[in-house]
Amino acid sequence: MTSSALVPSSSAADPLADRTAEVARNTAETRIRVRVNLDGTGQSRLGTGIGFFDHMLEQIARHGMIDMDVDCDGDLHIDGHHTVEDVGITLGQAFARAVGDKKGIRRYGHAYVPLDEALSRVVIDFSGRPGLHLNIPFTAASIGGFDTQLTYEFFQGFANHAAATLHIDNLKGINAHHQCESVFKAFARALRAALERDPRAAGIIPSTKGAL
């Protein structure tokens, strides 16, 4: 059984207010509470029980200039799968709630980020159409107890529930830690670009359809 609760955002009344959302998601496998402020300063409070995953979430907050709290009590006695996937789902729900009707945002964002020998590219479109195309040829199966296969599960959960199209490619890399971190940093930078308010398009939905 799954339950999700959306805490109303105060940004609906004032389009220039901080875009915030809080989501609680409770299942038989995980209990998660997420809070985001898309107009923050990159502060984060993270507790998933998986140290390396927390480190990656910190990259999203810091380089995306997003204030983000994530608290997850998951079934880590089994493995990290449910925790990582469900955090991705809940974050996606929170971002969808915080961005609202998408009026005035740039919608598209992309970034190339290097980390030593690794180089990654992320392109995002807050299109309303979920999609993930991911290519990360990891050179190791785990990083500090984090199963590298779960990178896909995190981004799949996020894309589905934020209703965004994501293209993620690790273009170069030898060290798996560097590969993964460059991906998360590029994701953060692409998010920041896509969610930025466009002063030339204030109050306008960035689509010829008039809706996203």
C-alpha atoms as a PDB file:
ATOM      1  CA  MET A   1       0.000   0.000   0.000  1.00  0.00           C
ATOM      2  CA  THR A   2       1.250   3.445  -0.914  1.00  0.00           C
ATOM      3  CA  SER A   3       0.125   6.814   0.363  1.00  0.00           C
ATOM      4  CA  SER A   4       1.344  10.262  -0.661  1.00  0.00           C
ATOM      5  CA  ALA A   5       0.472  13.564   0.921  1.00  0.00           C
ATOM      6  CA  LEU A   6       1.076  16.938  -0.681  1.00  0.00           C
ATOM      7  CA  VAL A   7       1.484  19.898   1.633  1.00  0.00           C
ATOM      8  CA  PRO A   8       0.115  23.005  -0.125  1.00  0.00           C
ATOM      9  CA  SER A   9       2.659  25.514  -1.377  1.00  0.00           C
ATOM     10  CA  SER A  10       2.391  29.189  -0.527  1.00  0.00           C
ATOM     11  CA  SER A  11       3.687  30.144  -3.982  1.00  0.00           C
ATOM     12  CA  ALA A  12       0.284  29.720  -5.642  1.00  0.00           C
ATOM     13  CA  ALA A  13      -0.988  33.065  -4.341  1.00  0.00           C
ATOM     14  CA  ASP A  14       2.129  35.036  -5.286  1.00  0.00           C
ATOM     15  CA  PRO A  15       3.890  34.042  -8.540  1.00  0.00           C
ATOM     16  CA  LEU A  16       7.108  35.686  -7.323  1.00  0.00           C
ATOM     17  CA  ALA A  17       7.142  33.840  -3.997  1.00  0.00           C
ATOM     18  CA  ASP A  18       9.584  31.016  -3.394  1.00  0.00           C
ATOM     19  CA  ARG A  19       8.439  27.878  -5.159  1.00  0.00           C
ATOM     20  CA  THR A  20       8.219  25.302  -2.405  1.00  0.00           C
ATOM     21  CA  ALA A  21       6.608  21.930  -1.838  1.00  0.00           C
ATOM     22  CA  GLU A  22       6.563  19.218   0.771  1.00  0.00           C
ATOM     23  CA  VAL A  23       5.616  15.615   0.048  1.00  0.00           C
ATOM     24  CA  ALA A  24       5.279  12.630   2.359  1.00  0.00           C
ATOM     25  CA  ARG A  25       5.221   9.148   0.831  1.00  0.00           C
ATOM     26  CA  ASN A  26       4.695   6.062   2.965  1.00  0.00           C
ATOM     27  CA  THR A  27       4.726   2.449   1.785  1.00  0.00           C
ATOM     28  CA  ALA A  28       5.454  -0.938   3.312  1.00  0.00           C
ATOM     29  CA  GLU A  29       9.052  -0.487   2.107  1.00  0.00           C
ATOM     30  CA  THR A  30       9.873   3.162   2.770  1.00  0.00           C
ATOM     31  CA  ARG A  31       8.689   6.174   4.724  1.00  0.00           C
ATOM     32  CA  ILE A  32       9.838   9.388   3.070  1.00  0.00           C
ATOM     33  CA  ARG A  33       9.382  13.091   3.626  1.00  0.00           C
ATOM     34  CA  VAL A  34      10.807  15.587   1.149  1.00  0.00           C
ATOM     35  CA  ARG A  35      10.803  19.368   1.150  1.00  0.00           C
ATOM     36  CA  VAL A  36      12.155  21.508  -1.704  1.00  0.00           C
ATOM     37  CA  ASN A  37      12.558  25.213  -2.382  1.00  0.00           C
ATOM     38  CA  LEU A  38      13.427  25.763  -6.034  1.00  0.00           C
ATOM     39  CA  ASP A  39      14.521  29.330  -5.277  1.00  0.00           C
ATOM     40  CA  GLY A  40      16.875  28.437  -2.443  1.00  0.00           C
ATOM     41  CA  THR A  41      20.578  28.821  -1.792  1.00  0.00           C
ATOM     42  CA  GLY A  42      21.669  25.191  -2.036  1.00  0.00           C
ATOM     43  CA  GLN A  43      21.147  24.167   1.585  1.00  0.00           C
ATOM     44  CA  SER A  44      20.305  20.545   2.320  1.00  0.00           C
ATOM     45  CA  ARG A  45      19.451  18.191   5.149  1.00  0.00           C
ATOM     46  CA  LEU A  46      19.705  14.599   4.006  1.00  0.00           C
ATOM     47  CA  GLY A  47      19.177  11.258   5.681  1.00  0.00           C
ATOM     48  CA  THR A  48      18.583   8.211   3.502  1.00  0.00           C
ATOM     49  CA  GLY A  49      20.833   5.768   5.330  1.00  0.00           C
ATOM     50  CA  ILE A  50      23.059   5.429   2.250  1.00  0.00           C
ATOM     51  CA  GLY A  51      26.061   7.698   2.612  1.00  0.00           C
ATOM     52  CA  PHE A  52      27.078   7.937  -1.028  1.00  0.00           C
ATOM     53  CA  PHE A  53      23.475   8.545  -2.108  1.00  0.00           C
ATOM     54  CA  ASP A  54      23.241  11.418   0.387  1.00  0.00           C
ATOM     55  CA  HIS A  55      26.437  12.797  -1.158  1.00  0.00           C
ATOM     56  CA  MET A  56      24.820  12.714  -4.612  1.00  0.00           C
ATOM     57  CA  LEU A  57      21.634  14.397  -3.368  1.00  0.00           C
ATOM     58  CA  GLU A  58      23.819  17.095  -1.834  1.00  0.00           C
ATOM     59  CA  GLN A  59      25.200  17.789  -5.326  1.00  0.00           C
ATOM     60  CA  ILE A  60      21.658  18.402  -6.607  1.00  0.00           C
ATOM     61  CA  ALA A  61      20.978  20.897  -3.833  1.00  0.00           C
ATOM     62  CA  ARG A  62      24.312  22.726  -3.944  1.00  0.00           C
ATOM     63  CA  HIS A  63      24.786  22.998  -7.700  1.00  0.00           C
ATOM     64  CA  GLY A  64      21.088  23.409  -8.472  1.00  0.00           C
ATOM     65  CA  MET A  65      20.710  26.174  -5.861  1.00  0.00           C
ATOM     66  CA  ILE A  66      17.770  24.233  -4.449  1.00  0.00           C
ATOM     67  CA  ASP A  67      17.070  23.949  -0.729  1.00  0.00           C
ATOM     68  CA  MET A  68      16.238  20.320  -0.116  1.00  0.00           C
ATOM     69  CA  ASP A  69      15.376  18.183   2.889  1.00  0.00           C
ATOM     70  CA  VAL A  70      15.108  14.424   2.417  1.00  0.00           C
ATOM     71  CA  ASP A  71      14.336  12.035   5.243  1.00  0.00           C
ATOM     72  CA  CYS A  72      13.906   8.359   4.409  1.00  0.00           C
ATOM     73  CA  ASP A  73      13.432   5.307   6.600  1.00  0.00           C
ATOM     74  CA  GLY A  74      13.782   2.417   4.166  1.00  0.00           C
ATOM     75  CA  ASP A  75      14.212  -1.350   4.235  1.00  0.00           C
ATOM     76  CA  LEU A  76      18.003  -1.224   3.964  1.00  0.00           C
ATOM     77  CA  HIS A  77      18.227  -4.644   5.618  1.00  0.00           C
ATOM     78  CA  ILE A  78      17.174  -5.935   2.181  1.00  0.00           C
ATOM     79  CA  ASP A  79      19.174  -3.545  -0.003  1.00  0.00           C
ATOM     80  CA  GLY A  80      19.117   0.061  -1.182  1.00  0.00           C
ATOM     81  CA  HIS A  81      16.786  -0.411  -4.145  1.00  0.00           C
ATOM     82  CA  HIS A  82      13.504   0.708  -2.583  1.00  0.00           C
ATOM     83  CA  THR A  83      15.132   3.640  -0.797  1.00  0.00           C
ATOM     84  CA  VAL A  84      16.830   5.071  -3.901  1.00  0.00           C
ATOM     85  CA  GLU A  85      13.889   4.497  -6.240  1.00  0.00           C
ATOM     86  CA  ASP A  86      11.296   5.871  -3.821  1.00  0.00           C
ATOM     87  CA  VAL A  87      13.369   8.965  -3.038  1.00  0.00           C
ATOM     88  CA  GLY A  88      13.490   9.612  -6.793  1.00  0.00           C
ATOM     89  CA  ILE A  89       9.700   9.239  -6.990  1.00  0.00           C
ATOM     90  CA  THR A  90       9.068  11.529  -4.026  1.00  0.00           C
ATOM     91  CA  LEU A  91      11.525  14.182  -5.219  1.00  0.00           C
ATOM     92  CA  GLY A  92       9.838  14.114  -8.615  1.00  0.00           C
ATOM     93  CA  GLN A  93       6.450  14.662  -6.973  1.00  0.00           C
ATOM     94  CA  ALA A  94       7.848  17.566  -4.948  1.00  0.00           C
ATOM     95  CA  PHE A  95       9.420  19.235  -7.992  1.00  0.00           C
ATOM     96  CA  ALA A  96       6.193  18.874  -9.978  1.00  0.00           C
ATOM     97  CA  ARG A  97       4.266  20.470  -7.129  1.00  0.00           C
ATOM     98  CA  ALA A  98       6.762  23.295  -6.603  1.00  0.00           C
ATOM     99  CA  VAL A  99       7.033  24.265 -10.279  1.00  0.00           C
ATOM    100  CA  GLY A 100       3.257  24.486 -10.617  1.00  0.00           C
ATOM    101  CA  ASP A 101       1.837  25.357 -14.040  1.00  0.00           C
ATOM    102  CA  LYS A 102       5.351  26.192 -15.331  1.00  0.00           C
ATOM    103  CA  LYS A 103       4.488  29.741 -16.314  1.00  0.00           C
ATOM    104  CA  GLY A 104       7.582  31.848 -16.798  1.00  0.00           C
ATOM    105  CA  ILE A 105      10.197  29.085 -16.546  1.00  0.00           C
ATOM    106  CA  ARG A 106      12.818  28.435 -19.212  1.00  0.00           C
ATOM    107  CA  ARG A 107      11.646  24.796 -19.425  1.00  0.00           C
ATOM    108  CA  TYR A 108      14.820  23.451 -21.059  1.00  0.00           C
ATOM    109  CA  GLY A 109      18.199  23.047 -19.429  1.00  0.00           C
ATOM    110  CA  HIS A 110      21.461  21.357 -20.249  1.00  0.00           C
ATOM    111  CA  ALA A 111      24.904  21.069 -18.708  1.00  0.00           C
ATOM    112  CA  TYR A 112      28.269  19.469 -19.294  1.00  0.00           C
ATOM    113  CA  VAL A 113      30.199  18.845 -16.073  1.00  0.00           C
ATOM    114  CA  PRO A 114      33.707  17.400 -15.729  1.00  0.00           C
ATOM    115  CA  LEU A 115      35.144  15.756 -12.649  1.00  0.00           C
ATOM    116  CA  ASP A 116      38.804  14.978 -13.243  1.00  0.00           C
ATOM    117  CA  GLU A 117      38.854  12.390 -16.047  1.00  0.00           C
ATOM    118  CA  ALA A 118      35.041  12.017 -16.123  1.00  0.00           C
ATOM    119  CA  LEU A 119      32.706  14.133 -18.249  1.00  0.00           C
ATOM    120  CA  SER A 120      28.906  13.970 -18.229  1.00  0.00           C
ATOM    121  CA  ARG A 121      26.097  15.671 -20.095  1.00  0.00           C
ATOM    122  CA  VAL A 122      22.492  16.071 -18.924  1.00  0.00           C
ATOM    123  CA  VAL A 123      19.647  17.618 -20.919  1.00  0.00           C
ATOM    124  CA  ILE A 124      16.218  18.142 -19.353  1.00  0.00           C
ATOM    125  CA  ASP A 125      12.833  19.293 -20.602  1.00  0.00           C
ATOM    126  CA  PHE A 126       9.975  19.944 -18.173  1.00  0.00           C
ATOM    127  CA  SER A 127       7.671  18.871 -20.968  1.00  0.00           C
ATOM    128  CA  GLY A 128       4.916  17.120 -19.052  1.00  0.00           C
ATOM    129  CA  ARG A 129       5.984  13.941 -20.878  1.00  0.00           C
ATOM    130  CA  PRO A 130       8.038  11.577 -18.718  1.00  0.00           C
ATOM    131  CA  GLY A 131      11.024   9.980 -20.407  1.00  0.00           C
ATOM    132  CA  LEU A 132      14.494   8.792 -19.468  1.00  0.00           C
ATOM    133  CA  HIS A 133      17.369   8.004 -21.818  1.00  0.00           C
ATOM    134  CA  LEU A 134      20.428   7.129 -19.760  1.00  0.00           C
ATOM    135  CA  ASN A 135      23.849   5.855 -20.727  1.00  0.00           C
ATOM    136  CA  ILE A 136      26.441   5.530 -17.950  1.00  0.00           C
ATOM    137  CA  PRO A 137      29.050   2.805 -18.607  1.00  0.00           C
ATOM    138  CA  PHE A 138      29.999   2.408 -14.966  1.00  0.00           C
ATOM    139  CA  THR A 139      33.434   0.900 -14.363  1.00  0.00           C
ATOM    140  CA  ALA A 140      32.402  -0.551 -10.984  1.00  0.00           C
ATOM    141  CA  ALA A 141      29.280  -2.263  -9.648  1.00  0.00           C
ATOM    142  CA  SER A 142      29.198  -0.318  -6.383  1.00  0.00           C
ATOM    143  CA  ILE A 143      30.504   2.902  -4.870  1.00  0.00           C
ATOM    144  CA  GLY A 144      30.798   2.967  -1.094  1.00  0.00           C
ATOM    145  CA  GLY A 145      27.961   0.457  -0.754  1.00  0.00           C
ATOM    146  CA  PHE A 146      25.810   2.222  -3.368  1.00  0.00           C
ATOM    147  CA  ASP A 147      24.753  -0.122  -6.192  1.00  0.00           C
ATOM    148  CA  THR A 148      25.497   1.800  -9.387  1.00  0.00           C
ATOM    149  CA  GLN A 149      22.470   0.199 -11.107  1.00  0.00           C
ATOM    150  CA  LEU A 150      20.280   2.236  -8.768  1.00  0.00           C
ATOM    151  CA  THR A 151      21.319   5.430 -10.537  1.00  0.00           C
ATOM    152  CA  TYR A 152      18.878   4.451 -13.277  1.00  0.00           C
ATOM    153  CA  GLU A 153      16.122   3.734 -10.746  1.00  0.00           C
ATOM    154  CA  PHE A 154      16.547   7.157  -9.122  1.00  0.00           C
ATOM    155  CA  PHE A 155      16.356   9.091 -12.363  1.00  0.00           C
ATOM    156  CA  GLN A 156      13.507   6.922 -13.694  1.00  0.00           C
ATOM    157  CA  GLY A 157      11.475   7.668 -10.566  1.00  0.00           C
ATOM    158  CA  PHE A 158      12.241  11.376 -10.815  1.00  0.00           C
ATOM    159  CA  ALA A 159      11.450  11.686 -14.523  1.00  0.00           C
ATOM    160  CA  ASN A 160       8.164   9.805 -14.212  1.00  0.00           C
ATOM    161  CA  HIS A 161       6.848  11.884 -11.342  1.00  0.00           C
ATOM    162  CA  ALA A 162       8.277  15.287 -12.270  1.00  0.00           C
ATOM    163  CA  ALA A 163       6.842  14.684 -15.762  1.00  0.00           C
ATOM    164  CA  ALA A 164      10.172  15.568 -17.346  1.00  0.00           C
ATOM    165  CA  THR A 165      12.207  14.240 -20.246  1.00  0.00           C
ATOM    166  CA  LEU A 166      15.793  13.451 -19.258  1.00  0.00           C
ATOM    167  CA  HIS A 167      18.789  12.580 -21.436  1.00  0.00           C
ATOM    168  CA  ILE A 168      21.793  11.558 -19.337  1.00  0.00           C
ATOM    169  CA  ASP A 169      25.141  10.521 -20.797  1.00  0.00           C
ATOM    170  CA  ASN A 170      28.477   9.887 -19.143  1.00  0.00           C
ATOM    171  CA  LEU A 171      30.805  10.684 -22.030  1.00  0.00           C
ATOM    172  CA  LYS A 172      34.116   9.794 -20.381  1.00  0.00           C
ATOM    173  CA  GLY A 173      35.267   8.278 -17.134  1.00  0.00           C
ATOM    174  CA  ILE A 174      37.474   5.704 -15.496  1.00  0.00           C
ATOM    175  CA  ASN A 175      36.635   6.141 -11.814  1.00  0.00           C
ATOM    176  CA  ALA A 176      33.027   5.164 -11.004  1.00  0.00           C
ATOM    177  CA  HIS A 177      32.772   7.749  -8.210  1.00  0.00           C
ATOM    178  CA  HIS A 178      33.758  10.465 -10.672  1.00  0.00           C
ATOM    179  CA  GLN A 179      31.348   9.143 -13.293  1.00  0.00           C
ATOM    180  CA  CYS A 180      28.397   9.201 -10.921  1.00  0.00           C
ATOM    181  CA  GLU A 181      29.210  12.534  -9.306  1.00  0.00           C
ATOM    182  CA  SER A 182      29.696  14.284 -12.639  1.00  0.00           C
ATOM    183  CA  VAL A 183      26.251  12.988 -13.695  1.00  0.00           C
ATOM    184  CA  PHE A 184      24.537  14.306 -10.564  1.00  0.00           C
ATOM    185  CA  LYS A 185      26.305  17.663 -10.823  1.00  0.00           C
ATOM    186  CA  ALA A 186      25.324  17.998 -14.478  1.00  0.00           C
ATOM    187  CA  PHE A 187      21.750  17.083 -13.542  1.00  0.00           C
ATOM    188  CA  ALA A 188      21.765  19.813 -10.898  1.00  0.00           C
ATOM    189  CA  ARG A 189      23.054  22.433 -13.316  1.00  0.00           C
ATOM    190  CA  ALA A 190      20.529  21.417 -15.979  1.00  0.00           C
ATOM    191  CA  LEU A 191      17.731  21.614 -13.405  1.00  0.00           C
ATOM    192  CA  ARG A 192      18.839  25.086 -12.372  1.00  0.00           C
ATOM    193  CA  ALA A 193      18.777  26.299 -15.980  1.00  0.00           C
ATOM    194  CA  ALA A 194      15.397  24.731 -16.800  1.00  0.00           C
ATOM    195  CA  LEU A 195      13.636  25.985 -13.670  1.00  0.00           C
ATOM    196  CA  GLU A 196      15.033  29.505 -13.819  1.00  0.00           C
ATOM    197  CA  ARG A 197      12.466  32.259 -14.274  1.00  0.00           C
ATOM    198  CA  ASP A 198      12.705  33.911 -17.686  1.00  0.00           C
ATOM    199  CA  PRO A 199      12.034  37.660 -17.333  1.00  0.00           C
ATOM    200  CA  ARG A 200      11.117  37.873 -21.018  1.00  0.00           C
ATOM    201  CA  ALA A 201       8.410  35.239 -20.601  1.00  0.00           C
ATOM    202  CA  ALA A 202       6.852  36.182 -17.260  1.00  0.00           C
ATOM    203  CA  GLY A 203       3.431  34.603 -16.894  1.00  0.00           C
ATOM    204  CA  ILE A 204       3.772  32.695 -20.150  1.00  0.00           C
ATOM    205  CA  ILE A 205       3.682  28.915 -20.430  1.00  0.00           C
ATOM    206  CA  PRO A 206       6.691  27.926 -22.583  1.00  0.00           C
ATOM    207  CA  SER A 207       4.752  25.912 -25.150  1.00  0.00           C
ATOM    208  CA  THR A 208       2.831  26.670 -28.353  1.00  0.00           C
ATOM    209  CA  LYS A 209       0.095  24.397 -26.963  1.00  0.00           C
ATOM    210  CA  GLY A 210      -0.497  26.794 -24.069  1.00  0.00           C
ATOM    211  CA  ALA A 211      -0.154  23.993 -21.519  1.00  0.00           C
ATOM    212  CA  LEU A 212       2.512  21.636 -20.233  1.00  0.00           C
END
